[in-house]
Amino acid sequence: MSKIKTAFFCSNCGYESAKWIGKCPGCSQWNTFTEEILDKGTNKEENWNNYSSEKRNSKTVALQDVISTTEKRIATKDTELNRVLGGGIVPGSIILVAGEPGIGKSTLFLQNGLLIDQLRVLYISGEESEQQIKMRADRLKIHNDHFYLLTETSTQTIFQEIRKLKPQLVIVDSIQTLQSNLIDSSAGSVSQIRECAAEFQRFAKETNTPVFLIGHITKDGAIAGPKILEHMVDTVLQFEGDRHYAYRILRTLKNRFGSTAELGIYEMTGDGMRIVANPSEILIAQREEQLSGSAIAATLEGMRPLLIEVQALVTQSVYGTPQRTVSGFDLRRLQLLLAVLEKRGGFQFGLKDVFVNIAGGIKVEDPSIDLAVICALLSSYEDTPLPAHICFAGEVGLNGEIRAVNRIEQRIAEAEKLGFEKIIVSKYNKKSFDPKAYKIQVIALSRVDEVYQQLF
């Protein structure tokens, strides 16, 4: 009988060590190492061959001898999922989807599995019973004769069922609940997650079957399990959103087959996830009167232009140290913009509390919203509403200059489509577009003080 192999793993970050250590070198946490059995001496080939009846022969080939083929994709009926994946599901790919509990991961992929009626879909659940999944499917009101359920946590049993059914798409909910008989530790441990993911990765590559792995996240927002889990898969999707809003965002963190800047927006309803075709309309609050401290920014998420509302509130500080609070925006970026306004504009923000919020619960990283943030801050500082039907697109530099942003034509076209009359952009963007091609008035300025004079 072969020797039992063990190792120590950090329960916080998944760092592996041959012996017990007090402080983790990976995340600097104390007393987080636990011993786990890696291998009980079982032959892995016996377990992995449960789904494959043919033995694969590997041999070395020259790169020039490899025949290039066009990438075939499986187009789903969910246009947002297609966009985020880069055009559809790639056969043989393994996709990890992570998100908070109750955000709607299971609902979204049960709905997509039922909508894909041209493929034989197997939905593996380690968390819910067949009756619970049936109740959710009845609520979605989608009928599919090629959709199959399996409520099981043992990977050995799962691959035996896969060999019988031969599914064309597999959805696993969730990878943290599965358990391999090769590892003698509890489900959800670092070694179990890694081993189960490795078995599904090999299954996906050998049978050319796409696999969706639904995963949990930790209280810090990171994907639960070892960091190697994200390296093993082809695509990592983050499903996020605020519990107090009906809108959910599907974001790409890693994609070997497309862009990582794409974004999908859904609305949570009683009948499942509804695709939001025009997110700009939901991100701009409908209000009857103009209020100070509100500005509209023309931003981009991947290939999609979005118009979002930036809200700012500037009040006299009551305490000794002024507060700086943000929601959906980078706090350090806000401090930089306030420093620019103090140094280049002479505004005394050092004695004011400043609050900035991106309406709709969305998080924005595009630097082109700098100009809208500054205009919202100045509007609240002066307590003067900005003119109606005006929006902004520009990055602000440390010297108070308005820097050019990419793909300005798409931003202008989106603003024109939604009925805006004016858009303020950088003077250095003038070469990138023809102002006569648009009905909207395009105002090109080079400095923040020029914007202040134009608006106030």
Foldseek 3Di string as FASTA:
>chain_A
DDDWQKWKAFQPAGDIGRDDDQADPPPRDGPRIDMWTQFPPDDVCVQLCLQPPDDDDDDDDDPVPDDDDDFDFDDFPFVQVCVQQARHHGFLFEEEEEEAPPLAPVLVVLLRLLRPQVWQEEEEEQDDDPVVSVVSVVQLVGDHPRYYYHHDQESSVVSNVCNVSVTQEYEYHALQRHAYPRIPDHRNGQSRSVVSLVSVSVVRNVSRHYYYHYFYADPVGHTRYHPVSVVSGQWYWYWDFDPVAQKIKIATPHHPNHDRQGIFMWGQDSNTTHGDPAVQVVQDDDDDDFWALKAWAFDDRVPDIHIHIKGKAKAFDPDPFAAQEEALEDSVLVVLLVLLCCPQVVDPSRRIHMYMYTGPRHHDDTQQCSLRNNRSHVRNVVRHGWDPLEHETFHADSNQWTHADPPVVNSLVVSVVVPRQEYEHALVCPVVDDQVVGNHHYHHDTGSVVVVVVTD
